């Protein structure tokens, strides 16, 4: 549907689950900024959303814990002078934030042993460097 926000894979958020608040934008803009509510604040209830499957919801709540207020994610967009463009920017930011939050965790790094040849080469270079510096420091008589 055109009102849906595609997040990742088959997960998308319908427009009906979003709440909007509009206010005046801060910063310069002359008389226009003083009279029009162009800043858009998008509210999405992550904790109670039926669109997010349970494992994704748990992952999102865990990763976005610092940004949530009562399980609700708030995204504010006020960089454009038009309310419609700010709404689109907020939608895009919501999709990016949720996609990053529900992404599967990265694979664990398995530390490998350093090959003997590489270690020997490193030690040989250190010894060569040490010899050069030691020869420089000897006094001439």
Protein backbone atom coordinates (compact mmCIF):
# COMPACT_ATOMS: atom_id res chain seq x y z
CA UNK A 1 0.00 0.00 0.00
CA UNK A 2 1.21 3.56 -0.59
CA UNK A 3 0.70 4.55 3.07
CA UNK A 4 2.85 1.70 4.37
CA UNK A 5 6.44 2.29 5.47
CA UNK A 6 8.67 -0.57 4.31
CA UNK A 7 11.17 -1.43 7.03
CA UNK A 8 12.97 -4.65 6.12
CA UNK A 9 12.04 -7.86 4.32
CA UNK A 10 8.31 -8.42 4.70
CA UNK A 11 7.98 -6.03 7.65
CA UNK A 12 6.11 -2.80 6.95
CA UNK A 13 4.29 -0.33 9.16
CA UNK A 14 0.80 0.83 8.07
CA UNK A 15 0.02 4.54 8.24
CA UNK A 16 -2.75 3.82 10.77
CA UNK A 17 -0.15 2.93 13.46
CA UNK A 18 1.56 6.32 13.21
CA UNK A 19 0.65 9.41 15.20
CA UNK A 20 1.62 12.90 14.06
CA UNK A 21 2.13 16.17 15.91
CA UNK A 22 2.92 19.42 14.16
CA UNK A 23 4.50 22.58 15.53
CA UNK A 24 6.41 25.62 14.41
CA UNK A 25 9.96 25.00 13.26
CA UNK A 26 12.81 26.72 15.03
CA UNK A 27 15.48 28.80 13.34
CA UNK A 28 15.39 31.45 10.64
CA UNK A 29 12.65 31.69 8.04
CA UNK A 30 11.05 35.12 8.35
CA UNK A 31 7.33 35.58 8.69
CA UNK A 32 6.57 32.16 7.20
CA UNK A 33 8.17 30.28 10.11
CA UNK A 34 6.16 32.26 12.66
CA UNK A 35 2.77 31.38 11.19
CA UNK A 36 2.93 27.81 9.89
CA UNK A 37 3.28 24.49 11.70
CA UNK A 38 5.84 22.84 9.43
CA UNK A 39 7.84 20.78 11.95
CA UNK A 40 6.57 17.18 12.03
CA UNK A 41 6.93 14.81 14.97
CA UNK A 42 6.20 11.17 14.21
CA UNK A 43 5.22 8.87 17.08
CA UNK A 44 5.31 5.09 16.70
CA UNK A 45 4.36 2.71 19.51
CA UNK A 46 7.01 0.01 19.18
CA UNK A 47 5.88 -1.90 22.27
CA UNK A 48 2.26 -2.39 21.12
CA UNK A 49 2.64 -2.55 17.34
CA UNK A 50 0.86 -5.54 15.74
CA UNK A 51 2.96 -5.04 12.56
CA UNK A 52 6.25 -6.06 14.21
CA UNK A 53 6.71 -9.80 14.75
CA UNK A 54 7.56 -10.68 18.36
CA UNK A 55 11.32 -11.37 17.91
CA UNK A 56 11.73 -8.11 15.97
CA UNK A 57 9.74 -6.19 18.62
CA UNK A 58 11.95 -7.55 21.44
CA UNK A 59 15.11 -6.68 19.50
CA UNK A 60 13.84 -3.18 18.68
CA UNK A 61 12.80 -2.49 22.28
CA UNK A 62 16.21 -3.65 23.49
CA UNK A 63 18.26 -1.66 20.96
CA UNK A 64 16.15 1.51 21.06
CA UNK A 65 15.73 1.53 24.85
CA UNK A 66 17.48 4.91 25.20
CA UNK A 67 15.26 6.56 22.59
CA UNK A 68 11.89 5.22 23.73
CA UNK A 69 9.50 6.92 26.09
CA UNK A 70 6.94 4.46 27.39
CA UNK A 71 7.60 2.14 24.45
CA UNK A 72 6.94 4.96 21.95
CA UNK A 73 9.59 6.06 19.44
CA UNK A 74 9.50 9.78 18.60
CA UNK A 75 11.12 11.19 15.45
CA UNK A 76 11.14 14.93 14.77
CA UNK A 77 11.80 16.45 11.35
CA UNK A 78 12.03 20.21 10.81
CA UNK A 79 14.73 20.67 8.19
CA UNK A 80 12.35 21.63 5.38
CA UNK A 81 10.00 24.60 5.08
CA UNK A 82 7.08 22.44 4.00
CA UNK A 83 5.13 20.14 6.27
CA UNK A 84 4.78 17.49 3.55
CA UNK A 85 8.55 17.25 3.04
CA UNK A 86 9.10 17.05 6.80
CA UNK A 87 6.53 14.24 7.01
CA UNK A 88 8.39 12.34 4.27
CA UNK A 89 11.72 12.92 6.04
CA UNK A 90 10.29 11.61 9.32
CA UNK A 91 8.87 8.52 7.58
CA UNK A 92 12.26 7.81 5.96
CA UNK A 93 14.05 8.27 9.29
CA UNK A 94 11.59 5.92 11.03
CA UNK A 95 12.18 3.24 8.38
CA UNK A 96 15.98 3.57 8.68
CA UNK A 97 15.90 3.56 12.50
CA UNK A 98 13.65 0.49 12.69
CA UNK A 99 15.58 -1.36 9.98
CA UNK A 100 18.80 -0.87 11.93
CA UNK A 101 17.12 -1.84 15.21
CA UNK A 102 15.61 -5.12 13.97
CA UNK A 103 18.63 -6.20 11.91
CA UNK A 104 20.05 -9.56 12.96
CA UNK A 105 23.06 -9.32 15.24
CA UNK A 106 26.43 -9.50 13.46
CA UNK A 107 28.31 -12.79 13.44
CA UNK A 108 30.72 -13.32 16.29
CA UNK A 109 34.36 -12.77 15.37
CA UNK A 110 36.43 -15.88 15.88
CA UNK A 111 39.99 -14.85 16.77
CA UNK A 112 42.61 -16.68 14.73
CA UNK A 113 46.14 -17.53 15.75
CA UNK A 114 48.83 -15.38 14.14
CA UNK A 115 50.86 -17.54 11.72
CA UNK A 116 54.38 -18.30 12.89
CA UNK A 117 56.00 -16.87 9.75
CA UNK A 118 54.33 -13.48 10.21
CA UNK A 119 55.35 -13.33 13.87
CA UNK A 120 58.98 -14.27 13.03
CA UNK A 121 59.11 -11.62 10.31
CA UNK A 122 57.82 -8.98 12.73
CA UNK A 123 60.41 -9.93 15.34
CA UNK A 124 63.20 -9.94 12.70
CA UNK A 125 62.22 -6.42 11.56
CA UNK A 126 62.22 -5.24 15.17
CA UNK A 127 65.68 -6.70 15.71
CA UNK A 128 67.02 -5.09 12.52
CA UNK A 129 65.57 -1.72 13.53
CA UNK A 130 67.05 -2.09 17.02
CA UNK A 131 70.51 -2.86 15.59
CA UNK A 132 70.39 0.21 13.34
CA UNK A 133 69.50 2.47 16.25
CA UNK A 134 72.10 0.90 18.52
CA UNK A 135 74.82 1.49 15.89
CA UNK A 136 73.81 5.15 15.60
CA UNK A 137 74.23 5.70 19.32
CA UNK A 138 77.81 4.34 19.54
CA UNK A 139 80.42 7.03 20.05
CA UNK A 140 83.10 7.69 17.51
CA UNK A 141 86.67 7.77 18.97
